[in-house]
Amino acid sequence: MLLDLPILEKGSFYFIKDGNTTLVLEDKTKRGLEIKETSIDKNLKVKADKGMIHDMDGIGHWVPIRWYFSKDSYDVSSVLVHANSMEKIH
């Protein structure tokens, strides 16, 4: 279960957790949001869990909750680059 994974790094808006074969980057601001879909994130090109939030007009928007970076292709420092860019956005 994702909640039980060891935390490698954390920031104001993210956790990086150590999975068996992946490094999991989790957006703290989306915790508790129901996972509606798992697909490839179009920006980062990695598998991502996505949920839906609705704006004031009732229009739904898909938002990533967490991303799964393969340990074969990524290390913690490369995931931190994405995590730090997320910190700047929030």
PDB file of N, CA and C in Angstrom:
ATOM      1  N   MET A   1       0.840  -1.181   0.000  1.00  0.00           N
ATOM      2  CA  MET A   1       0.000   0.000   0.000  1.00  0.00           C
ATOM      3  C   MET A   1       0.886   1.246   0.000  1.00  0.00           C
ATOM      4  N   LEU A   2       0.471   2.264  -0.738  1.00  0.00           N
ATOM      5  CA  LEU A   2       1.293   3.461  -0.906  1.00  0.00           C
ATOM      6  C   LEU A   2       1.550   4.212   0.393  1.00  0.00           C
ATOM      7  N   LEU A   3       0.611   4.166   1.321  1.00  0.00           N
ATOM      8  CA  LEU A   3       0.803   4.887   2.576  1.00  0.00           C
ATOM      9  C   LEU A   3       1.935   4.299   3.399  1.00  0.00           C
ATOM     10  N   ASP A   4       2.215   3.012   3.199  1.00  0.00           N
ATOM     11  CA  ASP A   4       3.225   2.316   3.984  1.00  0.00           C
ATOM     12  C   ASP A   4       4.631   2.426   3.409  1.00  0.00           C
ATOM     13  N   LEU A   5       4.775   2.976   2.218  1.00  0.00           N
ATOM     14  CA  LEU A   5       6.091   3.045   1.590  1.00  0.00           C
ATOM     15  C   LEU A   5       6.988   4.025   2.341  1.00  0.00           C
ATOM     16  N   PRO A   6       8.278   3.697   2.438  1.00  0.00           N
ATOM     17  CA  PRO A   6       9.209   4.615   3.107  1.00  0.00           C
ATOM     18  C   PRO A   6       9.354   5.925   2.328  1.00  0.00           C
ATOM     19  N   ILE A   7       9.402   7.021   3.056  1.00  0.00           N
ATOM     20  CA  ILE A   7       9.560   8.344   2.447  1.00  0.00           C
ATOM     21  C   ILE A   7      11.050   8.641   2.310  1.00  0.00           C
ATOM     22  N   LEU A   8      11.469   8.926   1.071  1.00  0.00           N
ATOM     23  CA  LEU A   8      12.871   9.243   0.792  1.00  0.00           C
ATOM     24  C   LEU A   8      13.136  10.741   0.894  1.00  0.00           C
ATOM     25  N   GLU A   9      12.207  11.532   0.395  1.00  0.00           N
ATOM     26  CA  GLU A   9      12.328  12.995   0.397  1.00  0.00           C
ATOM     27  C   GLU A   9      10.941  13.571   0.605  1.00  0.00           C
ATOM     28  N   LYS A  10      10.887  14.771   1.186  1.00  0.00           N
ATOM     29  CA  LYS A  10       9.594  15.444   1.278  1.00  0.00           C
ATOM     30  C   LYS A  10       9.789  16.942   1.211  1.00  0.00           C
ATOM     31  N   GLY A  11       8.799  17.589   0.644  1.00  0.00           N
ATOM     32  CA  GLY A  11       8.789  19.038   0.548  1.00  0.00           C
ATOM     33  C   GLY A  11       7.462  19.555   1.060  1.00  0.00           C
ATOM     34  N   SER A  12       7.222  20.811   0.862  1.00  0.00           N
ATOM     35  CA  SER A  12       5.964  21.401   1.317  1.00  0.00           C
ATOM     36  C   SER A  12       4.763  20.788   0.607  1.00  0.00           C
ATOM     37  N   PHE A  13       4.935  20.427  -0.668  1.00  0.00           N
ATOM     38  CA  PHE A  13       3.814  19.959  -1.469  1.00  0.00           C
ATOM     39  C   PHE A  13       3.982  18.546  -2.022  1.00  0.00           C
ATOM     40  N   TYR A  14       5.028  17.829  -1.638  1.00  0.00           N
ATOM     41  CA  TYR A  14       5.242  16.498  -2.214  1.00  0.00           C
ATOM     42  C   TYR A  14       5.906  15.543  -1.229  1.00  0.00           C
ATOM     43  N   PHE A  15       5.745  14.251  -1.537  1.00  0.00           N
ATOM     44  CA  PHE A  15       6.522  13.163  -0.946  1.00  0.00           C
ATOM     45  C   PHE A  15       7.158  12.404  -2.092  1.00  0.00           C
ATOM     46  N   ILE A  16       8.376  11.909  -1.908  1.00  0.00           N
ATOM     47  CA  ILE A  16       8.951  10.917  -2.812  1.00  0.00           C
ATOM     48  C   ILE A  16       9.100   9.656  -1.984  1.00  0.00           C
ATOM     49  N   LYS A  17       8.421   8.591  -2.440  1.00  0.00           N
ATOM     50  CA  LYS A  17       8.397   7.339  -1.689  1.00  0.00           C
ATOM     51  C   LYS A  17       9.118   6.250  -2.470  1.00  0.00           C
ATOM     52  N   ASP A  18       9.648   5.284  -1.730  1.00  0.00           N
ATOM     53  CA  ASP A  18      10.430   4.191  -2.308  1.00  0.00           C
ATOM     54  C   ASP A  18       9.554   2.963  -2.505  1.00  0.00           C
ATOM     55  N   GLY A  19       9.164   2.694  -3.762  1.00  0.00           N
ATOM     56  CA  GLY A  19       8.425   1.484  -4.093  1.00  0.00           C
ATOM     57  C   GLY A  19       9.395   0.379  -4.472  1.00  0.00           C
ATOM     58  N   ASN A  20       8.865  -0.799  -4.761  1.00  0.00           N
ATOM     59  CA  ASN A  20       9.732  -1.927  -5.132  1.00  0.00           C
ATOM     60  C   ASN A  20      10.516  -1.643  -6.407  1.00  0.00           C
ATOM     61  N   THR A  21       9.809  -1.229  -7.448  1.00  0.00           N
ATOM     62  CA  THR A  21      10.453  -0.992  -8.742  1.00  0.00           C
ATOM     63  C   THR A  21      10.321   0.454  -9.198  1.00  0.00           C
ATOM     64  N   THR A  22       9.634   1.273  -8.398  1.00  0.00           N
ATOM     65  CA  THR A  22       9.397   2.659  -8.789  1.00  0.00           C
ATOM     66  C   THR A  22       9.693   3.625  -7.647  1.00  0.00           C
ATOM     67  N   LEU A  23       9.957   4.856  -8.028  1.00  0.00           N
ATOM     68  CA  LEU A  23       9.986   5.977  -7.088  1.00  0.00           C
ATOM     69  C   LEU A  23       8.659   6.700  -7.291  1.00  0.00           C
ATOM     70  N   VAL A  24       7.918   6.893  -6.223  1.00  0.00           N
ATOM     71  CA  VAL A  24       6.578   7.457  -6.314  1.00  0.00           C
ATOM     72  C   VAL A  24       6.617   8.911  -5.850  1.00  0.00           C
ATOM     73  N   LEU A  25       6.254   9.818  -6.745  1.00  0.00           N
ATOM     74  CA  LEU A  25       6.143  11.234  -6.419  1.00  0.00           C
ATOM     75  C   LEU A  25       4.671  11.526  -6.166  1.00  0.00           C
ATOM     76  N   GLU A  26       4.349  11.913  -4.934  1.00  0.00           N
ATOM     77  CA  GLU A  26       2.954  12.137  -4.555  1.00  0.00           C
ATOM     78  C   GLU A  26       2.725  13.612  -4.238  1.00  0.00           C
ATOM     79  N   ASP A  27       1.687  14.183  -4.836  1.00  0.00           N
ATOM     80  CA  ASP A  27       1.298  15.572  -4.594  1.00  0.00           C
ATOM     81  C   ASP A  27       0.477  15.618  -3.306  1.00  0.00           C
ATOM     82  N   LYS A  28       1.015  16.253  -2.270  1.00  0.00           N
ATOM     83  CA  LYS A  28       0.318  16.318  -0.974  1.00  0.00           C
ATOM     84  C   LYS A  28      -1.029  17.027  -1.087  1.00  0.00           C
ATOM     85  N   THR A  29      -1.144  17.975  -2.011  1.00  0.00           N
ATOM     86  CA  THR A  29      -2.388  18.737  -2.126  1.00  0.00           C
ATOM     87  C   THR A  29      -3.520  17.912  -2.722  1.00  0.00           C
ATOM     88  N   LYS A  30      -3.195  16.753  -3.303  1.00  0.00           N
ATOM     89  CA  LYS A  30      -4.218  15.901  -3.918  1.00  0.00           C
ATOM     90  C   LYS A  30      -4.505  14.647  -3.087  1.00  0.00           C
ATOM     91  N   ARG A  31      -3.870  14.524  -1.916  1.00  0.00           N
ATOM     92  CA  ARG A  31      -4.093  13.353  -1.065  1.00  0.00           C
ATOM     93  C   ARG A  31      -5.561  13.289  -0.674  1.00  0.00           C
ATOM     94  N   GLY A  32      -6.121  12.108  -0.708  1.00  0.00           N
ATOM     95  CA  GLY A  32      -7.525  11.921  -0.371  1.00  0.00           C
ATOM     96  C   GLY A  32      -8.441  12.014  -1.581  1.00  0.00           C
ATOM     97  N   LEU A  33      -7.922  12.516  -2.704  1.00  0.00           N
ATOM     98  CA  LEU A  33      -8.707  12.576  -3.927  1.00  0.00           C
ATOM     99  C   LEU A  33      -8.835  11.160  -4.486  1.00  0.00           C
ATOM    100  N   GLU A  34     -10.036  10.779  -4.868  1.00  0.00           N
ATOM    101  CA  GLU A  34     -10.279   9.422  -5.368  1.00  0.00           C
ATOM    102  C   GLU A  34      -9.590   9.217  -6.716  1.00  0.00           C
ATOM    103  N   ILE A  35      -8.907   8.087  -6.851  1.00  0.00           N
ATOM    104  CA  ILE A  35      -8.257   7.739  -8.117  1.00  0.00           C
ATOM    105  C   ILE A  35      -9.337   7.277  -9.085  1.00  0.00           C
ATOM    106  N   LYS A  36      -9.443   7.977 -10.201  1.00  0.00           N
ATOM    107  CA  LYS A  36     -10.436   7.644 -11.225  1.00  0.00           C
ATOM    108  C   LYS A  36      -9.796   6.952 -12.423  1.00  0.00           C
ATOM    109  N   GLU A  37      -8.477   7.136 -12.585  1.00  0.00           N
ATOM    110  CA  GLU A  37      -7.813   6.622 -13.779  1.00  0.00           C
ATOM    111  C   GLU A  37      -6.321   6.493 -13.505  1.00  0.00           C
ATOM    112  N   THR A  38      -5.712   5.495 -14.101  1.00  0.00           N
ATOM    113  CA  THR A  38      -4.256   5.376 -14.122  1.00  0.00           C
ATOM    114  C   THR A  38      -3.849   5.326 -15.589  1.00  0.00           C
ATOM    115  N   SER A  39      -3.019   6.277 -15.992  1.00  0.00           N
ATOM    116  CA  SER A  39      -2.602   6.361 -17.388  1.00  0.00           C
ATOM    117  C   SER A  39      -1.230   7.028 -17.451  1.00  0.00           C
ATOM    118  N   ILE A  40      -0.728   7.186 -18.648  1.00  0.00           N
ATOM    119  CA  ILE A  40       0.569   7.839 -18.842  1.00  0.00           C
ATOM    120  C   ILE A  40       0.368   9.355 -18.811  1.00  0.00           C
ATOM    121  N   ASP A  41       1.128  10.032 -17.957  1.00  0.00           N
ATOM    122  CA  ASP A  41       1.066  11.489 -17.871  1.00  0.00           C
ATOM    123  C   ASP A  41       1.646  12.074 -19.153  1.00  0.00           C
ATOM    124  N   LYS A  42       0.902  12.964 -19.792  1.00  0.00           N
ATOM    125  CA  LYS A  42       1.343  13.490 -21.095  1.00  0.00           C
ATOM    126  C   LYS A  42       2.567  14.394 -20.993  1.00  0.00           C
ATOM    127  N   ASN A  43       2.799  14.997 -19.828  1.00  0.00           N
ATOM    128  CA  ASN A  43       3.957  15.879 -19.669  1.00  0.00           C
ATOM    129  C   ASN A  43       5.221  15.123 -19.272  1.00  0.00           C
ATOM    130  N   LEU A  44       5.100  14.235 -18.288  1.00  0.00           N
ATOM    131  CA  LEU A  44       6.284  13.541 -17.765  1.00  0.00           C
ATOM    132  C   LEU A  44       6.542  12.190 -18.428  1.00  0.00           C
ATOM    133  N   LYS A  45       5.547  11.671 -19.145  1.00  0.00           N
ATOM    134  CA  LYS A  45       5.674  10.390 -19.866  1.00  0.00           C
ATOM    135  C   LYS A  45       5.929   9.212 -18.924  1.00  0.00           C
ATOM    136  N   VAL A  46       5.334   9.261 -17.736  1.00  0.00           N
ATOM    137  CA  VAL A  46       5.394   8.148 -16.787  1.00  0.00           C
ATOM    138  C   VAL A  46       3.971   7.829 -16.342  1.00  0.00           C
ATOM    139  N   LYS A  47       3.791   6.634 -15.773  1.00  0.00           N
ATOM    140  CA  LYS A  47       2.476   6.235 -15.283  1.00  0.00           C
ATOM    141  C   LYS A  47       2.059   7.155 -14.145  1.00  0.00           C
ATOM    142  N   ALA A  48       0.772   7.534 -14.130  1.00  0.00           N
ATOM    143  CA  ALA A  48       0.269   8.435 -13.092  1.00  0.00           C
ATOM    144  C   ALA A  48      -1.148   8.046 -12.691  1.00  0.00           C
ATOM    145  N   ASP A  49      -1.441   8.185 -11.403  1.00  0.00           N
ATOM    146  CA  ASP A  49      -2.812   8.066 -10.904  1.00  0.00           C
ATOM    147  C   ASP A  49      -3.438   9.441 -11.031  1.00  0.00           C
ATOM    148  N   LYS A  50      -4.672   9.476 -11.552  1.00  0.00           N
ATOM    149  CA  LYS A  50      -5.334  10.762 -11.755  1.00  0.00           C
ATOM    150  C   LYS A  50      -6.711  10.759 -11.103  1.00  0.00           C
ATOM    151  N   GLY A  51      -7.105  11.930 -10.666  1.00  0.00           N
ATOM    152  CA  GLY A  51      -8.432  12.137 -10.118  1.00  0.00           C
ATOM    153  C   GLY A  51      -9.076  13.302 -10.841  1.00  0.00           C
ATOM    154  N   MET A  52     -10.305  13.614 -10.449  1.00  0.00           N
ATOM    155  CA  MET A  52     -10.999  14.712 -11.098  1.00  0.00           C
ATOM    156  C   MET A  52     -11.430  15.737 -10.057  1.00  0.00           C
ATOM    157  N   ILE A  53     -11.141  16.991 -10.367  1.00  0.00           N
ATOM    158  CA  ILE A  53     -11.650  18.087  -9.544  1.00  0.00           C
ATOM    159  C   ILE A  53     -12.581  18.914 -10.428  1.00  0.00           C
ATOM    160  N   HIS A  54     -13.525  19.573  -9.811  1.00  0.00           N
ATOM    161  CA  HIS A  54     -14.495  20.379 -10.554  1.00  0.00           C
ATOM    162  C   HIS A  54     -14.331  21.847 -10.180  1.00  0.00           C
ATOM    163  N   ASP A  55     -14.385  22.690 -11.196  1.00  0.00           N
ATOM    164  CA  ASP A  55     -14.277  24.123 -10.931  1.00  0.00           C
ATOM    165  C   ASP A  55     -15.642  24.688 -10.535  1.00  0.00           C
ATOM    166  N   MET A  56     -15.713  25.983 -10.337  1.00  0.00           N
ATOM    167  CA  MET A  56     -16.952  26.615  -9.868  1.00  0.00           C
ATOM    168  C   MET A  56     -18.090  26.515 -10.877  1.00  0.00           C
ATOM    169  N   ASP A  57     -17.751  26.268 -12.136  1.00  0.00           N
ATOM    170  CA  ASP A  57     -18.773  26.106 -13.171  1.00  0.00           C
ATOM    171  C   ASP A  57     -19.206  24.656 -13.316  1.00  0.00           C
ATOM    172  N   GLY A  58     -18.646  23.777 -12.484  1.00  0.00           N
ATOM    173  CA  GLY A  58     -19.006  22.359 -12.539  1.00  0.00           C
ATOM    174  C   GLY A  58     -18.258  21.575 -13.601  1.00  0.00           C
ATOM    175  N   ILE A  59     -17.260  22.187 -14.208  1.00  0.00           N
ATOM    176  CA  ILE A  59     -16.477  21.510 -15.246  1.00  0.00           C
ATOM    177  C   ILE A  59     -15.385  20.689 -14.575  1.00  0.00           C
ATOM    178  N   GLY A  60     -15.312  19.408 -14.944  1.00  0.00           N
ATOM    179  CA  GLY A  60     -14.317  18.509 -14.366  1.00  0.00           C
ATOM    180  C   GLY A  60     -12.969  18.631 -15.055  1.00  0.00           C
ATOM    181  N   HIS A  61     -11.913  18.536 -14.269  1.00  0.00           N
ATOM    182  CA  HIS A  61     -10.544  18.603 -14.791  1.00  0.00           C
ATOM    183  C   HIS A  61      -9.752  17.430 -14.226  1.00  0.00           C
ATOM    184  N   TRP A  62      -9.081  16.675 -15.116  1.00  0.00           N
ATOM    185  CA  TRP A  62      -8.220  15.581 -14.672  1.00  0.00           C
ATOM    186  C   TRP A  62      -6.958  16.174 -14.066  1.00  0.00           C
ATOM    187  N   VAL A  63      -6.588  15.686 -12.891  1.00  0.00           N
ATOM    188  CA  VAL A  63      -5.364  16.151 -12.233  1.00  0.00           C
ATOM    189  C   VAL A  63      -4.565  14.948 -11.748  1.00  0.00           C
ATOM    190  N   PRO A  64      -3.249  14.978 -11.923  1.00  0.00           N
ATOM    191  CA  PRO A  64      -2.429  13.880 -11.409  1.00  0.00           C
ATOM    192  C   PRO A  64      -2.336  13.945  -9.888  1.00  0.00           C
ATOM    193  N   ILE A  65      -2.392  12.779  -9.262  1.00  0.00           N
ATOM    194  CA  ILE A  65      -2.276  12.659  -7.811  1.00  0.00           C
ATOM    195  C   ILE A  65      -0.870  12.189  -7.452  1.00  0.00           C
ATOM    196  N   ARG A  66      -0.401  11.183  -8.195  1.00  0.00           N
ATOM    197  CA  ARG A  66       0.962  10.670  -7.975  1.00  0.00           C
ATOM    198  C   ARG A  66       1.496  10.101  -9.287  1.00  0.00           C
ATOM    199  N   TRP A  67       2.818  10.134  -9.387  1.00  0.00           N
ATOM    200  CA  TRP A  67       3.518   9.650 -10.576  1.00  0.00           C
ATOM    201  C   TRP A  67       4.435   8.509 -10.168  1.00  0.00           C
ATOM    202  N   TYR A  68       4.618   7.544 -11.065  1.00  0.00           N
ATOM    203  CA  TYR A  68       5.458   6.370 -10.812  1.00  0.00           C
ATOM    204  C   TYR A  68       6.652   6.394 -11.767  1.00  0.00           C
ATOM    205  N   PHE A  69       7.830   6.669 -11.230  1.00  0.00           N
ATOM    206  CA  PHE A  69       9.058   6.732 -12.018  1.00  0.00           C
ATOM    207  C   PHE A  69       9.810   5.416 -11.863  1.00  0.00           C
ATOM    208  N   SER A  70      10.064   4.723 -12.959  1.00  0.00           N
ATOM    209  CA  SER A  70      10.793   3.457 -12.927  1.00  0.00           C
ATOM    210  C   SER A  70      12.210   3.670 -12.401  1.00  0.00           C
ATOM    211  N   LYS A  71      12.625   2.819 -11.471  1.00  0.00           N
ATOM    212  CA  LYS A  71      13.991   2.915 -10.931  1.00  0.00           C
ATOM    213  C   LYS A  71      15.038   2.584 -11.986  1.00  0.00           C
ATOM    214  N   ASP A  72      14.629   1.890 -13.051  1.00  0.00           N
ATOM    215  CA  ASP A  72      15.558   1.584 -14.141  1.00  0.00           C
ATOM    216  C   ASP A  72      15.942   2.845 -14.916  1.00  0.00           C
ATOM    217  N   SER A  73      15.039   3.832 -14.944  1.00  0.00           N
ATOM    218  CA  SER A  73      15.256   5.034 -15.744  1.00  0.00           C
ATOM    219  C   SER A  73      15.498   6.300 -14.928  1.00  0.00           C
ATOM    220  N   TYR A  74      15.079   6.295 -13.667  1.00  0.00           N
ATOM    221  CA  TYR A  74      15.154   7.504 -12.836  1.00  0.00           C
ATOM    222  C   TYR A  74      15.801   7.198 -11.492  1.00  0.00           C
ATOM    223  N   ASP A  75      16.521   8.185 -10.960  1.00  0.00           N
ATOM    224  CA  ASP A  75      17.010   8.091  -9.584  1.00  0.00           C
ATOM    225  C   ASP A  75      16.345   9.212  -8.782  1.00  0.00           C
ATOM    226  N   VAL A  76      16.601   9.256  -7.500  1.00  0.00           N
ATOM    227  CA  VAL A  76      15.937  10.232  -6.632  1.00  0.00           C
ATOM    228  C   VAL A  76      16.221  11.662  -7.082  1.00  0.00           C
ATOM    229  N   SER A  77      17.452  11.941  -7.496  1.00  0.00           N
ATOM    230  CA  SER A  77      17.792  13.315  -7.900  1.00  0.00           C
ATOM    231  C   SER A  77      17.007  13.751  -9.138  1.00  0.00           C
ATOM    232  N   SER A  78      16.758  12.838 -10.077  1.00  0.00           N
ATOM    233  CA  SER A  78      15.986  13.221 -11.263  1.00  0.00           C
ATOM    234  C   SER A  78      14.505  13.398 -10.930  1.00  0.00           C
ATOM    235  N   VAL A  79      13.981  12.634  -9.976  1.00  0.00           N
ATOM    236  CA  VAL A  79      12.592  12.819  -9.539  1.00  0.00           C
ATOM    237  C   VAL A  79      12.472  14.132  -8.762  1.00  0.00           C
ATOM    238  N   LEU A  80      13.517  14.481  -8.014  1.00  0.00           N
ATOM    239  CA  LEU A  80      13.522  15.748  -7.274  1.00  0.00           C
ATOM    240  C   LEU A  80      13.403  16.961  -8.195  1.00  0.00           C
ATOM    241  N   VAL A  81      13.936  16.862  -9.394  1.00  0.00           N
ATOM    242  CA  VAL A  81      13.804  17.955 -10.361  1.00  0.00           C
ATOM    243  C   VAL A  81      12.325  18.226 -10.623  1.00  0.00           C
ATOM    244  N   HIS A  82      11.553  17.154 -10.851  1.00  0.00           N
ATOM    245  CA  HIS A  82      10.115  17.303 -11.093  1.00  0.00           C
ATOM    246  C   HIS A  82       9.397  17.770  -9.832  1.00  0.00           C
ATOM    247  N   ALA A  83       9.811  17.247  -8.682  1.00  0.00           N
ATOM    248  CA  ALA A  83       9.190  17.631  -7.412  1.00  0.00           C
ATOM    249  C   ALA A  83       9.420  19.111  -7.120  1.00  0.00           C
ATOM    250  N   ASN A  84      10.628  19.582  -7.354  1.00  0.00           N
ATOM    251  CA  ASN A  84      10.934  20.988  -7.089  1.00  0.00           C
ATOM    252  C   ASN A  84      10.189  21.919  -8.039  1.00  0.00           C
ATOM    253  N   SER A  85       9.964  21.479  -9.267  1.00  0.00           N
ATOM    254  CA  SER A  85       9.173  22.308 -10.185  1.00  0.00           C
ATOM    255  C   SER A  85       7.720  22.371  -9.710  1.00  0.00           C
ATOM    256  N   MET A  86       7.239  21.291  -9.100  1.00  0.00           N
ATOM    257  CA  MET A  86       5.889  21.286  -8.537  1.00  0.00           C
ATOM    258  C   MET A  86       5.805  22.269  -7.364  1.00  0.00           C
ATOM    259  N   GLU A  87       6.859  22.360  -6.570  1.00  0.00           N
ATOM    260  CA  GLU A  87       6.898  23.308  -5.449  1.00  0.00           C
ATOM    261  C   GLU A  87       6.756  24.745  -5.957  1.00  0.00           C
ATOM    262  N   LYS A  88       7.387  25.049  -7.086  1.00  0.00           N
ATOM    263  CA  LYS A  88       7.342  26.408  -7.626  1.00  0.00           C
ATOM    264  C   LYS A  88       5.955  26.759  -8.151  1.00  0.00           C
ATOM    265  N   ILE A  89       5.234  25.758  -8.681  1.00  0.00           N
ATOM    266  CA  ILE A  89       3.893  25.987  -9.228  1.00  0.00           C
ATOM    267  C   ILE A  89       2.913  26.308  -8.107  1.00  0.00           C
ATOM    268  N   HIS A  90       3.026  25.565  -6.996  1.00  0.00           N
ATOM    269  CA  HIS A  90       2.079  25.772  -5.891  1.00  0.00           C
ATOM    270  C   HIS A  90       2.468  27.025  -5.193  1.00  0.00           C
TER     271      HIS A  90
END
